Amino acid sequence: MKAEEFADSPTGILIPIQGTHPRFGPWEHVAFVPSPLPLETPTLSATTFNAVARARAALASLDSSARQLPHPGLLRRPTLRREARLAS
C-alpha cells in the first residue's frame, strides 16, 4: 500500500501498526481504516442501479459456476497470489 495515496482521504484514516516477524524482527507500517458507511441507502440513478443489477447477476452466475467445480481452490489460490502481488 502506498500510504501517501491515503494520507488525506475523506473516506478514512491511517493508523500506525507494528509487530514482530519471527524471521525479520520488528516492523512498523500504517493501516487504512475506512469511515463507517452511512445508515441510509444512497439514492441511485437508473443507470447506476442497472449497472449494480448487472454486476450482481454476473456474480451470481460466477458463484453458480464455481459451486460445480470439484476443487475451486485450484482457481482461487493463483488468483489471490496474483492480486497480492499487484497490490504490494
N, C-alpha and C. Protein backbone atom coordinates (compact mmCIF):
# COMPACT_ATOMS: atom_id res chain seq x y z
N MET A 1 0.83 -1.16 0.00
CA MET A 1 0.00 0.00 0.00
C MET A 1 0.89 1.23 0.00
N LYS A 2 0.55 2.18 -0.83
CA LYS A 2 1.26 3.46 -0.85
C LYS A 2 0.54 4.41 0.09
N ALA A 3 1.08 4.57 1.29
CA ALA A 3 0.42 5.34 2.34
C ALA A 3 0.13 6.77 1.91
N GLU A 4 1.00 7.35 1.10
CA GLU A 4 0.79 8.75 0.69
C GLU A 4 -0.49 8.92 -0.12
N GLU A 5 -0.96 7.88 -0.77
CA GLU A 5 -2.19 7.96 -1.54
C GLU A 5 -3.43 8.01 -0.64
N PHE A 6 -3.28 7.65 0.61
CA PHE A 6 -4.40 7.61 1.55
C PHE A 6 -4.29 8.67 2.65
N ALA A 7 -3.23 9.46 2.63
CA ALA A 7 -2.93 10.37 3.73
C ALA A 7 -4.06 11.35 4.04
N ASP A 8 -4.65 11.98 3.04
CA ASP A 8 -5.70 12.98 3.27
C ASP A 8 -7.03 12.51 2.72
N SER A 9 -7.34 11.25 2.88
CA SER A 9 -8.56 10.69 2.31
C SER A 9 -9.79 11.13 3.09
N PRO A 10 -10.84 11.54 2.38
CA PRO A 10 -12.09 11.88 3.07
C PRO A 10 -12.89 10.63 3.48
N THR A 11 -12.42 9.45 3.07
CA THR A 11 -13.18 8.22 3.33
C THR A 11 -12.60 7.37 4.46
N GLY A 12 -11.56 7.85 5.15
CA GLY A 12 -10.99 7.08 6.23
C GLY A 12 -9.70 7.69 6.74
N ILE A 13 -9.06 6.99 7.67
CA ILE A 13 -7.83 7.48 8.28
C ILE A 13 -6.75 6.41 8.24
N LEU A 14 -5.51 6.84 8.39
CA LEU A 14 -4.38 5.93 8.53
C LEU A 14 -4.02 5.84 10.00
N ILE A 15 -3.78 4.61 10.46
CA ILE A 15 -3.34 4.42 11.85
C ILE A 15 -2.03 3.63 11.83
N PRO A 16 -1.11 3.94 12.75
CA PRO A 16 0.14 3.19 12.80
C PRO A 16 -0.09 1.78 13.35
N ILE A 17 0.59 0.83 12.76
CA ILE A 17 0.56 -0.56 13.25
C ILE A 17 2.00 -1.04 13.37
N GLN A 18 2.21 -2.03 14.21
CA GLN A 18 3.55 -2.60 14.37
C GLN A 18 3.44 -4.04 14.81
N GLY A 19 4.52 -4.75 14.63
CA GLY A 19 4.55 -6.14 15.03
C GLY A 19 5.96 -6.67 14.97
N THR A 20 6.09 -7.96 15.15
CA THR A 20 7.39 -8.61 15.08
C THR A 20 7.28 -9.83 14.20
N HIS A 21 8.08 -9.87 13.16
CA HIS A 21 8.14 -11.03 12.28
C HIS A 21 9.15 -12.00 12.88
N PRO A 22 8.81 -13.30 12.93
CA PRO A 22 9.72 -14.25 13.58
C PRO A 22 11.10 -14.31 12.93
N ARG A 23 11.19 -14.01 11.65
CA ARG A 23 12.48 -14.11 10.96
C ARG A 23 13.14 -12.75 10.76
N PHE A 24 12.33 -11.72 10.48
CA PHE A 24 12.90 -10.42 10.12
C PHE A 24 12.85 -9.39 11.25
N GLY A 25 12.22 -9.74 12.36
CA GLY A 25 12.20 -8.84 13.50
C GLY A 25 11.07 -7.83 13.47
N PRO A 26 11.23 -6.73 14.23
CA PRO A 26 10.17 -5.74 14.35
C PRO A 26 9.88 -5.02 13.03
N TRP A 27 8.63 -4.63 12.86
CA TRP A 27 8.24 -3.85 11.69
C TRP A 27 7.19 -2.83 12.10
N GLU A 28 7.10 -1.76 11.30
CA GLU A 28 6.10 -0.72 11.51
C GLU A 28 5.52 -0.35 10.16
N HIS A 29 4.24 -0.04 10.15
CA HIS A 29 3.57 0.35 8.91
C HIS A 29 2.32 1.14 9.30
N VAL A 30 1.49 1.45 8.33
CA VAL A 30 0.21 2.10 8.61
C VAL A 30 -0.90 1.26 7.99
N ALA A 31 -2.07 1.34 8.58
CA ALA A 31 -3.25 0.64 8.07
C ALA A 31 -4.34 1.67 7.80
N PHE A 32 -5.09 1.46 6.73
CA PHE A 32 -6.20 2.35 6.39
C PHE A 32 -7.46 1.83 7.06
N VAL A 33 -8.10 2.68 7.82
CA VAL A 33 -9.36 2.33 8.49
C VAL A 33 -10.46 3.17 7.85
N PRO A 34 -11.36 2.54 7.10
CA PRO A 34 -12.40 3.32 6.42
C PRO A 34 -13.40 3.92 7.39
N SER A 35 -13.96 5.04 7.00
CA SER A 35 -15.03 5.66 7.78
C SER A 35 -16.27 4.77 7.72
N PRO A 36 -17.10 4.81 8.75
CA PRO A 36 -18.32 3.99 8.72
C PRO A 36 -19.23 4.40 7.55
N LEU A 37 -19.93 3.43 7.02
CA LEU A 37 -20.88 3.71 5.95
C LEU A 37 -22.11 4.40 6.54
N PRO A 38 -22.74 5.27 5.76
CA PRO A 38 -23.96 5.91 6.28
C PRO A 38 -25.07 4.89 6.48
N LEU A 39 -25.96 5.17 7.41
CA LEU A 39 -27.06 4.25 7.70
C LEU A 39 -28.12 4.25 6.60
N GLU A 40 -28.30 5.39 5.94
CA GLU A 40 -29.32 5.47 4.90
C GLU A 40 -28.76 4.97 3.56
N THR A 41 -29.61 4.35 2.78
CA THR A 41 -29.23 3.85 1.46
C THR A 41 -29.14 5.03 0.50
N PRO A 42 -28.05 5.11 -0.27
CA PRO A 42 -27.93 6.23 -1.20
C PRO A 42 -28.95 6.12 -2.33
N THR A 43 -29.35 7.26 -2.85
CA THR A 43 -30.25 7.29 -4.00
C THR A 43 -29.41 7.07 -5.25
N LEU A 44 -29.77 6.06 -6.03
CA LEU A 44 -29.01 5.72 -7.23
C LEU A 44 -29.78 6.15 -8.48
N SER A 45 -29.02 6.60 -9.47
CA SER A 45 -29.66 6.90 -10.76
C SER A 45 -30.05 5.58 -11.41
N ALA A 46 -30.90 5.64 -12.41
CA ALA A 46 -31.33 4.42 -13.12
C ALA A 46 -30.13 3.73 -13.75
N THR A 47 -29.20 4.50 -14.30
CA THR A 47 -28.00 3.92 -14.93
C THR A 47 -27.17 3.17 -13.90
N THR A 48 -26.95 3.79 -12.75
CA THR A 48 -26.16 3.15 -11.69
C THR A 48 -26.88 1.92 -11.15
N PHE A 49 -28.19 2.03 -10.93
CA PHE A 49 -28.96 0.89 -10.43
C PHE A 49 -28.86 -0.29 -11.40
N ASN A 50 -28.98 -0.02 -12.70
CA ASN A 50 -28.87 -1.10 -13.70
C ASN A 50 -27.47 -1.70 -13.71
N ALA A 51 -26.44 -0.88 -13.55
CA ALA A 51 -25.07 -1.40 -13.51
C ALA A 51 -24.87 -2.31 -12.30
N VAL A 52 -25.41 -1.91 -11.16
CA VAL A 52 -25.33 -2.73 -9.95
C VAL A 52 -26.08 -4.05 -10.15
N ALA A 53 -27.24 -3.99 -10.77
CA ALA A 53 -28.03 -5.20 -11.02
C ALA A 53 -27.29 -6.15 -11.95
N ARG A 54 -26.65 -5.61 -12.99
CA ARG A 54 -25.88 -6.46 -13.92
C ARG A 54 -24.68 -7.09 -13.21
N ALA A 55 -24.00 -6.31 -12.37
CA ALA A 55 -22.85 -6.84 -11.63
C ALA A 55 -23.30 -7.94 -10.67
N ARG A 56 -24.42 -7.73 -10.02
CA ARG A 56 -24.94 -8.74 -9.09
C ARG A 56 -25.29 -10.03 -9.83
N ALA A 57 -25.90 -9.91 -11.00
CA ALA A 57 -26.24 -11.09 -11.80
C ALA A 57 -24.98 -11.82 -12.25
N ALA A 58 -23.94 -11.06 -12.62
CA ALA A 58 -22.68 -11.69 -13.04
C ALA A 58 -22.04 -12.43 -11.88
N LEU A 59 -22.07 -11.86 -10.69
CA LEU A 59 -21.51 -12.54 -9.52
C LEU A 59 -22.31 -13.79 -9.17
N ALA A 60 -23.61 -13.74 -9.31
CA ALA A 60 -24.44 -14.92 -9.05
C ALA A 60 -24.12 -16.03 -10.04
N SER A 61 -23.91 -15.66 -11.29
CA SER A 61 -23.56 -16.65 -12.31
C SER A 61 -22.19 -17.27 -12.01
N LEU A 62 -21.24 -16.43 -11.62
CA LEU A 62 -19.91 -16.93 -11.27
C LEU A 62 -19.98 -17.85 -10.06
N ASP A 63 -20.77 -17.48 -9.06
CA ASP A 63 -20.93 -18.31 -7.87
C ASP A 63 -21.53 -19.66 -8.23
N SER A 64 -22.52 -19.65 -9.11
CA SER A 64 -23.15 -20.90 -9.54
C SER A 64 -22.15 -21.80 -10.26
N SER A 65 -21.33 -21.20 -11.12
CA SER A 65 -20.32 -21.98 -11.85
C SER A 65 -19.27 -22.53 -10.90
N ALA A 66 -18.83 -21.70 -9.94
CA ALA A 66 -17.79 -22.13 -9.01
C ALA A 66 -18.26 -23.29 -8.14
N ARG A 67 -19.54 -23.33 -7.82
CA ARG A 67 -20.06 -24.42 -6.98
C ARG A 67 -20.02 -25.77 -7.71
N GLN A 68 -19.89 -25.76 -9.02
CA GLN A 68 -19.84 -27.00 -9.78
C GLN A 68 -18.42 -27.56 -9.91
N LEU A 69 -17.41 -26.76 -9.54
CA LEU A 69 -16.03 -27.22 -9.63
C LEU A 69 -15.72 -28.18 -8.50
N PRO A 70 -15.01 -29.28 -8.79
CA PRO A 70 -14.68 -30.23 -7.72
C PRO A 70 -13.69 -29.65 -6.71
N HIS A 71 -12.77 -28.79 -7.15
CA HIS A 71 -11.76 -28.20 -6.27
C HIS A 71 -11.60 -26.72 -6.61
N PRO A 72 -12.51 -25.86 -6.16
CA PRO A 72 -12.44 -24.43 -6.52
C PRO A 72 -11.17 -23.75 -6.03
N GLY A 73 -10.52 -24.31 -5.03
CA GLY A 73 -9.28 -23.74 -4.52
C GLY A 73 -8.18 -23.71 -5.57
N LEU A 74 -8.26 -24.62 -6.54
CA LEU A 74 -7.25 -24.64 -7.60
C LEU A 74 -7.27 -23.35 -8.41
N LEU A 75 -8.42 -22.73 -8.54
CA LEU A 75 -8.51 -21.45 -9.25
C LEU A 75 -8.33 -20.27 -8.29
N ARG A 76 -8.76 -20.43 -7.07
CA ARG A 76 -8.73 -19.32 -6.11
C ARG A 76 -7.30 -18.96 -5.70
N ARG A 77 -6.48 -19.96 -5.41
CA ARG A 77 -5.13 -19.67 -4.91
C ARG A 77 -4.30 -18.84 -5.88
N PRO A 78 -4.20 -19.21 -7.17
CA PRO A 78 -3.41 -18.38 -8.09
C PRO A 78 -3.96 -16.96 -8.23
N THR A 79 -5.28 -16.84 -8.18
CA THR A 79 -5.89 -15.51 -8.30
C THR A 79 -5.55 -14.66 -7.09
N LEU A 80 -5.60 -15.23 -5.89
CA LEU A 80 -5.26 -14.48 -4.69
C LEU A 80 -3.79 -14.09 -4.67
N ARG A 81 -2.93 -14.99 -5.14
CA ARG A 81 -1.50 -14.66 -5.20
C ARG A 81 -1.24 -13.52 -6.17
N ARG A 82 -1.89 -13.57 -7.34
CA ARG A 82 -1.71 -12.50 -8.34
C ARG A 82 -2.20 -11.17 -7.78
N GLU A 83 -3.34 -11.19 -7.10
CA GLU A 83 -3.88 -9.97 -6.51
C GLU A 83 -2.93 -9.42 -5.45
N ALA A 84 -2.36 -10.30 -4.63
CA ALA A 84 -1.43 -9.85 -3.59
C ALA A 84 -0.18 -9.23 -4.20
N ARG A 85 0.32 -9.83 -5.28
CA ARG A 85 1.50 -9.26 -5.94
C ARG A 85 1.20 -7.89 -6.53
N LEU A 86 0.03 -7.75 -7.16
CA LEU A 86 -0.33 -6.47 -7.77
C LEU A 86 -0.58 -5.39 -6.73
N ALA A 87 -1.07 -5.78 -5.56
CA ALA A 87 -1.39 -4.80 -4.51
C ALA A 87 -0.17 -4.36 -3.73
N SER A 88 0.91 -5.13 -3.79
CA SER A 88 2.08 -4.77 -2.98
C SER A 88 3.02 -3.85 -3.71
